[in-house]
Amino acid sequence: MALNREWHLLHRLPRTATLEERLDWHLAHAAACGCREMPESIRKELEARGLIEVTPRSLR
């Protein structure tokens, strides 16, 4: 999937975003845009909270 420019323009992640804001933003981003992979640290935190499924890639 390509960059969803409109979504990015409407959903800017603040530089001082809290962990909760970052988690929410990355979940929404993954659903709306396929421009890049989710950062490993975010993916692991979401998995630990049971918000996304563990993948073979995340077990490395």
N, C-alpha and C. Protein backbone atom coordinates (compact mmCIF):
# COMPACT_ATOMS: atom_id res chain seq x y z
N MET A 1 0.85 -1.18 0.00
CA MET A 1 0.00 0.00 0.00
C MET A 1 0.90 1.24 0.00
N ALA A 2 0.48 2.25 -0.66
CA ALA A 2 1.25 3.49 -0.78
C ALA A 2 0.91 4.47 0.35
N LEU A 3 1.63 5.56 0.35
CA LEU A 3 1.42 6.62 1.33
C LEU A 3 0.01 7.21 1.19
N ASN A 4 -0.67 7.34 2.30
CA ASN A 4 -1.98 7.99 2.34
C ASN A 4 -1.74 9.44 2.79
N ARG A 5 -1.44 10.29 1.83
CA ARG A 5 -1.06 11.68 2.12
C ARG A 5 -2.12 12.42 2.92
N GLU A 6 -3.37 12.24 2.56
CA GLU A 6 -4.46 12.94 3.26
C GLU A 6 -4.49 12.55 4.74
N TRP A 7 -4.36 11.25 5.02
CA TRP A 7 -4.37 10.80 6.41
C TRP A 7 -3.21 11.43 7.18
N HIS A 8 -2.02 11.41 6.60
CA HIS A 8 -0.85 11.98 7.26
C HIS A 8 -1.03 13.47 7.54
N LEU A 9 -1.62 14.19 6.63
CA LEU A 9 -1.82 15.62 6.84
C LEU A 9 -2.80 15.90 7.99
N LEU A 10 -3.77 15.02 8.16
CA LEU A 10 -4.79 15.21 9.19
C LEU A 10 -4.41 14.59 10.54
N HIS A 11 -3.39 13.75 10.55
CA HIS A 11 -3.03 13.02 11.78
C HIS A 11 -1.53 13.14 12.05
N ARG A 12 -1.13 14.28 12.50
CA ARG A 12 0.28 14.51 12.82
C ARG A 12 0.56 14.01 14.25
N LEU A 13 1.66 13.29 14.40
CA LEU A 13 2.07 12.81 15.71
C LEU A 13 2.95 13.88 16.34
N PRO A 14 2.53 14.43 17.48
CA PRO A 14 3.33 15.48 18.13
C PRO A 14 4.71 14.96 18.54
N ARG A 15 5.71 15.83 18.49
CA ARG A 15 7.07 15.45 18.89
C ARG A 15 7.13 15.04 20.36
N THR A 16 6.26 15.59 21.16
CA THR A 16 6.25 15.29 22.59
C THR A 16 5.14 14.30 22.96
N ALA A 17 4.76 13.46 22.02
CA ALA A 17 3.68 12.50 22.25
C ALA A 17 4.05 11.52 23.37
N THR A 18 3.06 11.22 24.18
CA THR A 18 3.24 10.21 25.23
C THR A 18 3.25 8.83 24.59
N LEU A 19 3.62 7.82 25.35
CA LEU A 19 3.60 6.46 24.83
C LEU A 19 2.18 6.09 24.40
N GLU A 20 1.19 6.45 25.19
CA GLU A 20 -0.21 6.14 24.84
C GLU A 20 -0.60 6.78 23.51
N GLU A 21 -0.21 8.03 23.32
CA GLU A 21 -0.51 8.72 22.05
C GLU A 21 0.21 8.06 20.89
N ARG A 22 1.45 7.64 21.12
CA ARG A 22 2.20 6.97 20.06
C ARG A 22 1.57 5.63 19.69
N LEU A 23 1.14 4.88 20.70
CA LEU A 23 0.50 3.59 20.43
C LEU A 23 -0.78 3.79 19.62
N ASP A 24 -1.61 4.74 20.05
CA ASP A 24 -2.85 5.03 19.33
C ASP A 24 -2.58 5.46 17.90
N TRP A 25 -1.59 6.35 17.73
CA TRP A 25 -1.27 6.86 16.39
C TRP A 25 -0.81 5.72 15.49
N HIS A 26 0.07 4.86 15.98
CA HIS A 26 0.60 3.78 15.15
C HIS A 26 -0.47 2.75 14.81
N LEU A 27 -1.39 2.49 15.72
CA LEU A 27 -2.50 1.58 15.39
C LEU A 27 -3.36 2.17 14.28
N ALA A 28 -3.70 3.46 14.41
CA ALA A 28 -4.50 4.12 13.38
C ALA A 28 -3.73 4.18 12.06
N HIS A 29 -2.45 4.45 12.14
CA HIS A 29 -1.62 4.54 10.94
C HIS A 29 -1.58 3.21 10.21
N ALA A 30 -1.40 2.13 10.94
CA ALA A 30 -1.35 0.81 10.32
C ALA A 30 -2.66 0.48 9.60
N ALA A 31 -3.77 0.96 10.13
CA ALA A 31 -5.08 0.70 9.51
C ALA A 31 -5.32 1.58 8.29
N ALA A 32 -4.72 2.78 8.27
CA ALA A 32 -5.04 3.75 7.22
C ALA A 32 -3.97 3.90 6.14
N CYS A 33 -2.76 3.48 6.43
CA CYS A 33 -1.66 3.78 5.51
C CYS A 33 -0.64 2.65 5.54
N GLY A 34 -0.05 2.37 4.42
CA GLY A 34 0.95 1.30 4.36
C GLY A 34 2.30 1.81 3.93
N CYS A 35 2.63 3.03 4.31
CA CYS A 35 3.87 3.63 3.82
C CYS A 35 5.11 3.06 4.48
N ARG A 36 4.98 2.50 5.68
CA ARG A 36 6.15 1.92 6.34
C ARG A 36 5.69 0.97 7.44
N GLU A 37 6.64 0.17 7.90
CA GLU A 37 6.38 -0.77 8.99
C GLU A 37 6.31 -0.03 10.32
N MET A 38 5.62 -0.61 11.25
CA MET A 38 5.53 -0.07 12.60
C MET A 38 6.89 -0.27 13.28
N PRO A 39 7.36 0.71 14.04
CA PRO A 39 8.63 0.53 14.75
C PRO A 39 8.56 -0.68 15.68
N GLU A 40 9.68 -1.37 15.81
CA GLU A 40 9.72 -2.58 16.61
C GLU A 40 9.31 -2.33 18.06
N SER A 41 9.75 -1.23 18.64
CA SER A 41 9.42 -0.95 20.04
C SER A 41 7.91 -0.76 20.23
N ILE A 42 7.26 -0.11 19.27
CA ILE A 42 5.81 0.10 19.33
C ILE A 42 5.10 -1.23 19.15
N ARG A 43 5.53 -2.02 18.16
CA ARG A 43 4.91 -3.32 17.89
C ARG A 43 5.00 -4.23 19.11
N LYS A 44 6.17 -4.26 19.76
CA LYS A 44 6.33 -5.12 20.93
C LYS A 44 5.45 -4.66 22.10
N GLU A 45 5.31 -3.37 22.28
CA GLU A 45 4.44 -2.86 23.36
C GLU A 45 2.98 -3.19 23.07
N LEU A 46 2.56 -3.07 21.83
CA LEU A 46 1.18 -3.41 21.47
C LEU A 46 0.92 -4.90 21.66
N GLU A 47 1.91 -5.73 21.31
CA GLU A 47 1.78 -7.17 21.51
C GLU A 47 1.69 -7.49 23.00
N ALA A 48 2.52 -6.86 23.81
CA ALA A 48 2.52 -7.10 25.25
C ALA A 48 1.18 -6.74 25.88
N ARG A 49 0.53 -5.74 25.32
CA ARG A 49 -0.78 -5.32 25.83
C ARG A 49 -1.93 -6.11 25.21
N GLY A 50 -1.61 -7.00 24.29
CA GLY A 50 -2.63 -7.82 23.64
C GLY A 50 -3.45 -7.07 22.62
N LEU A 51 -2.92 -5.96 22.12
CA LEU A 51 -3.66 -5.15 21.15
C LEU A 51 -3.41 -5.58 19.70
N ILE A 52 -2.31 -6.29 19.47
CA ILE A 52 -2.07 -6.90 18.16
C ILE A 52 -1.49 -8.28 18.41
N GLU A 53 -1.57 -9.15 17.41
CA GLU A 53 -1.10 -10.52 17.55
C GLU A 53 0.41 -10.58 17.40
N VAL A 54 1.00 -11.52 18.10
CA VAL A 54 2.43 -11.78 17.99
C VAL A 54 2.67 -12.38 16.60
N THR A 55 3.73 -11.91 15.95
CA THR A 55 4.09 -12.42 14.62
C THR A 55 5.45 -13.09 14.69
N PRO A 56 5.75 -13.98 13.75
CA PRO A 56 7.08 -14.59 13.73
C PRO A 56 8.20 -13.55 13.70
N ARG A 57 7.99 -12.47 13.00
CA ARG A 57 9.01 -11.42 12.92
C ARG A 57 9.28 -10.80 14.28
N SER A 58 8.25 -10.64 15.10
CA SER A 58 8.43 -9.99 16.40
C SER A 58 9.11 -10.91 17.41
N LEU A 59 9.19 -12.19 17.13
CA LEU A 59 9.82 -13.13 18.05
C LEU A 59 11.34 -13.21 17.86
N ARG A 60 11.86 -12.54 16.87
CA ARG A 60 13.32 -12.56 16.61
C ARG A 60 14.05 -11.80 17.67
